[in-house]
N, C-alpha and C. Protein backbone atom coordinates (compact mmCIF):
# COMPACT_ATOMS: atom_id res chain seq x y z
N MET A 1 93.26 122.99 86.54
CA MET A 1 94.82 121.73 86.57
C MET A 1 94.78 120.89 85.57
N ALA A 2 95.85 121.06 84.93
CA ALA A 2 96.08 120.19 83.23
C ALA A 2 96.49 118.87 83.58
N SER A 3 97.29 118.64 84.60
CA SER A 3 97.38 117.16 84.40
C SER A 3 96.66 116.07 85.09
N THR A 4 97.04 114.64 84.56
CA THR A 4 96.03 114.53 84.73
C THR A 4 96.78 113.41 85.52
N GLU A 5 95.56 111.63 86.56
CA GLU A 5 95.88 111.56 87.70
C GLU A 5 97.58 110.45 87.45
N SER A 6 97.07 109.62 86.59
CA SER A 6 98.22 109.05 85.76
C SER A 6 100.06 109.92 85.84
N GLU A 7 99.91 110.97 85.69
CA GLU A 7 101.15 112.10 85.34
C GLU A 7 101.70 111.87 87.14
N GLN A 8 100.81 112.11 88.16
CA GLN A 8 100.86 112.14 89.35
C GLN A 8 101.72 111.08 89.79
N VAL A 9 101.52 109.52 89.33
CA VAL A 9 101.52 108.63 89.79
C VAL A 9 103.09 108.01 89.48
N PRO A 10 104.07 108.11 90.61
CA PRO A 10 105.66 107.70 89.63
C PRO A 10 105.58 106.14 88.95
N SER A 11 105.87 106.12 88.02
CA SER A 11 106.16 104.80 87.06
C SER A 11 106.56 103.56 87.66
N GLY A 12 107.28 104.20 89.39
CA GLY A 12 108.14 103.26 89.72
C GLY A 12 107.49 102.41 90.30
N ILE A 13 106.64 102.99 91.63
CA ILE A 13 105.58 102.75 92.03
C ILE A 13 104.67 101.62 91.95
N VAL A 14 103.84 101.72 90.44
CA VAL A 14 102.96 101.39 89.78
C VAL A 14 103.42 99.77 88.80
N ALA A 15 105.07 99.98 89.10
CA ALA A 15 105.70 98.87 88.40
C ALA A 15 106.16 97.49 89.46
N GLY A 16 106.21 98.63 90.94
CA GLY A 16 106.58 97.35 92.03
C GLY A 16 105.38 97.15 92.50
N LEU A 17 104.06 97.54 92.30
CA LEU A 17 102.87 96.84 93.17
C LEU A 17 102.68 95.41 91.75
N LYS A 18 102.92 96.00 90.47
CA LYS A 18 102.83 94.84 89.55
C LYS A 18 103.67 93.75 89.93
N ALA A 19 105.17 94.19 90.25
CA ALA A 19 105.74 92.82 90.05
C ALA A 19 105.35 91.83 91.19
N PHE A 20 105.30 92.81 92.90
CA PHE A 20 104.82 91.93 93.55
C PHE A 20 103.26 91.18 93.74
N THR A 21 102.42 92.15 92.70
CA THR A 21 101.30 90.82 92.12
C THR A 21 101.66 89.51 91.46
N SER A 22 102.37 89.78 90.38
CA SER A 22 102.28 88.90 89.88
C SER A 22 102.95 87.75 90.38
N ALA A 23 104.68 88.15 91.22
CA ALA A 23 105.40 86.89 92.00
C ALA A 23 104.51 86.79 92.63
N HIS A 24 103.49 86.88 93.50
CA HIS A 24 102.28 86.21 94.41
C HIS A 24 100.75 86.12 94.44
N ASP A 25 100.86 85.66 92.85
CA ASP A 25 99.25 85.19 92.44
C ASP A 25 98.29 86.32 93.26
N GLY A 26 98.54 87.09 93.04
CA GLY A 26 97.73 88.40 93.13
C GLY A 26 97.63 89.10 94.40
N ALA A 27 97.03 90.43 94.74
CA ALA A 27 97.52 90.88 95.98
C ALA A 27 96.56 91.90 96.45
N THR A 28 96.37 92.18 97.59
CA THR A 28 95.06 93.16 98.15
C THR A 28 96.33 94.31 98.68
N ALA A 29 95.21 95.59 98.80
CA ALA A 29 96.47 96.32 99.64
C ALA A 29 95.59 97.47 100.60
N VAL A 30 96.24 97.68 101.36
CA VAL A 30 95.37 98.55 102.34
C VAL A 30 96.30 99.99 102.28
N ILE A 31 96.19 100.86 102.52
CA ILE A 31 96.85 102.67 102.22
C ILE A 31 96.77 102.73 103.63
N GLU A 32 98.22 103.10 103.90
CA GLU A 32 98.06 104.09 105.96
C GLU A 32 98.66 105.27 105.21
N TYR A 33 98.29 106.49 105.93
CA TYR A 33 98.33 107.49 106.02
C TYR A 33 100.05 107.97 106.78
N VAL A 34 100.92 107.97 106.54
CA VAL A 34 102.03 108.14 107.57
C VAL A 34 102.73 109.60 107.57
N GLY A 35 101.78 110.51 107.56
CA GLY A 35 102.13 111.99 107.67
C GLY A 35 102.59 112.77 106.44
N ARG A 36 103.48 113.89 107.03
CA ARG A 36 103.99 114.70 105.87
C ARG A 36 105.00 113.34 105.00
N ARG A 37 105.62 112.66 105.10
CA ARG A 37 106.20 110.92 103.92
C ARG A 37 105.37 110.54 103.16
N GLY A 38 103.55 111.00 103.67
CA GLY A 38 102.65 110.23 102.49
C GLY A 38 101.99 109.20 102.79
N ALA A 39 101.97 107.99 101.79
CA ALA A 39 100.65 106.99 102.63
C ALA A 39 101.97 105.65 102.13
N ARG A 40 101.78 104.90 102.86
CA ARG A 40 102.33 103.22 102.75
C ARG A 40 101.48 102.29 102.36
N ILE A 41 101.78 101.84 100.93
CA ILE A 41 100.96 100.94 100.43
C ILE A 41 101.33 98.99 101.02
N VAL A 42 100.51 98.82 101.59
CA VAL A 42 100.74 97.68 102.51
C VAL A 42 100.30 96.60 101.17
N LEU A 43 101.16 95.58 100.75
CA LEU A 43 100.46 94.85 99.97
C LEU A 43 100.12 93.07 100.89
N VAL A 44 99.32 92.84 100.57
CA VAL A 44 99.18 91.11 101.20
C VAL A 44 99.18 90.46 99.99
N GLY A 45 99.67 89.08 99.57
CA GLY A 45 99.79 88.33 98.59
C GLY A 45 98.95 87.38 98.97
N GLU A 46 98.16 87.23 97.70
CA GLU A 46 97.56 85.79 97.53
C GLU A 46 98.28 84.30 98.74
N ASP A 47 99.16 84.07 98.66
CA ASP A 47 100.16 82.92 99.13
C ASP A 47 100.52 83.31 100.29
N GLY A 48 100.01 84.80 100.86
CA GLY A 48 100.68 85.46 102.34
C GLY A 48 101.33 86.09 102.49
N ALA A 49 101.95 86.21 101.69
CA ALA A 49 103.44 87.22 101.59
C ALA A 49 102.87 88.71 101.68
N TRP A 50 104.09 89.43 101.87
CA TRP A 50 103.40 90.78 102.33
C TRP A 50 104.67 91.56 101.98
N GLY A 51 104.53 92.88 101.51
CA GLY A 51 105.43 93.49 101.56
C GLY A 51 105.10 95.54 100.98
N ASP A 52 105.60 96.22 101.34
CA ASP A 52 104.74 97.76 100.98
C ASP A 52 105.90 98.69 100.28
N GLN A 53 105.03 99.39 100.34
CA GLN A 53 105.89 100.74 99.34
C GLN A 53 104.88 101.71 99.44
N LEU A 54 106.24 103.03 99.50
CA LEU A 54 105.53 104.35 100.38
C LEU A 54 105.76 104.91 98.87
N ALA A 55 104.81 106.34 98.95
CA ALA A 55 103.61 107.06 97.53
C ALA A 55 103.98 108.11 98.53
N PRO A 56 103.69 109.49 97.70
CA PRO A 56 103.86 110.87 98.48
C PRO A 56 102.62 111.21 98.29
N ALA A 57 101.46 110.62 98.52
CA ALA A 57 100.15 111.04 99.22
C ALA A 57 99.05 109.86 99.33
N THR A 58 98.20 109.78 99.58
CA THR A 58 96.95 108.55 99.82
C THR A 58 96.36 108.92 98.56
N ASP A 59 96.03 109.97 97.75
CA ASP A 59 95.45 109.79 96.56
C ASP A 59 96.21 109.08 95.39
N VAL A 60 98.00 109.58 95.63
CA VAL A 60 98.70 108.93 94.67
C VAL A 60 99.08 107.53 94.89
N ALA A 61 98.74 106.55 96.26
CA ALA A 61 98.57 105.92 96.59
C ALA A 61 97.70 104.88 95.95
N ARG A 62 96.17 105.75 96.17
CA ARG A 62 95.04 105.32 95.39
C ARG A 62 95.53 104.94 94.23
N ALA A 63 95.17 105.64 93.08
CA ALA A 63 95.60 105.58 92.15
C ALA A 63 96.76 104.98 91.07
N ALA A 64 97.59 104.83 92.37
CA ALA A 64 99.05 103.48 91.83
C ALA A 64 98.36 102.15 91.41
N CYS A 65 97.80 102.34 92.88
CA CYS A 65 97.15 100.67 93.17
C CYS A 65 95.75 100.60 92.20
N ARG A 66 95.14 101.53 91.21
CA ARG A 66 93.69 101.60 90.28
C ARG A 66 94.67 101.14 89.29
N GLU A 67 95.87 101.84 88.74
CA GLU A 67 96.74 101.69 87.87
C GLU A 67 97.54 100.11 87.27
N ALA A 68 97.64 99.62 88.79
CA ALA A 68 98.31 98.51 88.73
C ALA A 68 97.20 97.10 89.16
N GLY A 69 95.97 97.63 88.88
CA GLY A 69 94.90 96.67 88.93
C GLY A 69 94.75 95.90 90.35
N VAL A 70 95.16 96.67 91.38
CA VAL A 70 95.30 96.00 92.75
C VAL A 70 93.91 96.57 93.26
N PRO A 71 93.31 95.55 94.12
CA PRO A 71 92.18 96.54 94.97
C PRO A 71 92.33 96.69 96.34
N ILE A 72 91.91 97.47 96.18
CA ILE A 72 92.24 98.23 98.04
C ILE A 72 91.09 97.69 98.99
N GLU A 73 91.69 97.44 100.38
CA GLU A 73 90.88 97.16 101.37
C GLU A 73 90.55 98.47 102.24
N ASN A 74 89.51 98.91 103.08
CA ASN A 74 89.21 100.27 103.72
C ASN A 74 90.35 100.41 104.81
N GLY A 75 90.50 98.42 105.11
CA GLY A 75 91.44 98.63 106.92
C GLY A 75 92.01 97.44 107.17
N TRP A 76 92.36 96.93 107.90
CA TRP A 76 92.95 95.68 107.99
C TRP A 76 91.76 94.48 108.22
N GLU A 77 90.49 94.16 107.79
CA GLU A 77 90.07 93.05 108.18
C GLU A 77 90.65 91.57 108.06
N ARG A 78 89.75 91.13 109.44
CA ARG A 78 90.12 89.79 109.80
C ARG A 78 90.86 88.98 109.04
N GLU A 79 90.01 88.81 107.62
CA GLU A 79 90.41 88.10 106.79
C GLU A 79 91.51 87.72 105.87
N LEU A 80 92.30 89.65 106.11
CA LEU A 80 93.09 89.88 105.22
C LEU A 80 94.34 89.66 106.23
N THR A 81 93.98 89.81 107.34
CA THR A 81 95.41 89.82 108.42
C THR A 81 95.59 88.03 108.75
N GLU A 82 94.41 87.23 108.26
CA GLU A 82 94.64 86.21 108.51
C GLU A 82 95.32 85.28 107.20
N ASN A 83 95.26 86.10 106.15
CA ASN A 83 96.22 85.41 105.04
C ASN A 83 97.68 85.47 105.38
N MET A 84 98.00 86.45 105.94
CA MET A 84 99.03 87.43 106.03
C MET A 84 100.38 86.20 106.85
N HIS A 85 101.78 85.45 106.41
CA HIS A 85 102.78 85.30 107.28
C HIS A 85 103.47 86.05 107.42
N GLY A 86 103.82 85.70 108.87
CA GLY A 86 104.61 86.12 109.71
C GLY A 86 104.50 85.90 111.29
N GLY A 87 105.68 86.28 112.07
CA GLY A 87 105.71 86.32 113.23
C GLY A 87 105.51 87.73 114.29
N PRO A 88 105.85 87.37 115.32
CA PRO A 88 105.65 88.34 116.16
C PRO A 88 106.29 89.63 116.14
N SER A 89 107.26 89.64 115.29
CA SER A 89 107.78 91.37 115.03
C SER A 89 107.31 91.84 113.77
N LEU A 90 106.55 90.92 112.94
CA LEU A 90 105.57 91.52 112.26
C LEU A 90 104.77 92.66 112.62
N TRP A 91 103.44 92.00 113.43
CA TRP A 91 102.47 92.45 114.51
C TRP A 91 103.40 93.01 115.03
N ARG A 92 103.99 93.45 115.85
CA ARG A 92 104.47 94.43 116.50
C ARG A 92 104.95 95.37 115.81
N SER A 93 105.46 95.73 114.42
CA SER A 93 105.96 96.66 113.55
C SER A 93 104.71 97.15 113.04
N MET A 94 103.39 96.23 112.79
CA MET A 94 102.19 97.31 112.46
C MET A 94 101.30 97.60 113.53
N GLY A 95 102.01 97.49 114.45
CA GLY A 95 101.27 98.06 116.03
C GLY A 95 101.90 99.61 115.83
N ARG A 96 103.48 99.16 115.94
CA ARG A 96 103.48 100.41 116.17
C ARG A 96 103.47 101.97 115.15
N THR A 97 103.26 101.51 113.77
CA THR A 97 102.77 101.89 112.44
C THR A 97 101.39 102.70 112.85
N ALA A 98 100.56 101.20 113.70
CA ALA A 98 99.07 102.03 113.88
C ALA A 98 98.63 103.17 114.63
N LEU A 99 99.71 102.50 115.95
CA LEU A 99 100.05 103.73 117.06
C LEU A 99 100.10 105.35 116.55
N ALA A 100 101.43 105.04 115.72
CA ALA A 100 101.74 106.16 115.07
C ALA A 100 101.24 107.45 114.53
N ARG A 101 100.14 106.84 114.69
CA ARG A 101 99.32 107.93 113.03
C ARG A 101 98.88 109.19 114.35
């Protein structure tokens, strides 16, 4: 196959990751598989804010994070979740995502 990893990564995803990271003094990502829809990149900013983006596949999500310079955690580590700002609705929505796998 002649395509490179950067050709597979939509530029909008990389731009979104970079914008979030710069707006929140850095960020860490967790990538979640969401079936046929692809992968969800959940970003947790250094200031505790969080956001997400969808990618067509987990390998594309990982490549986008690498290209944007965003470190990836293997899962929801305690330190990462403790840094997140959000109320009970945040945790309910994340619980539904985890249970939907």
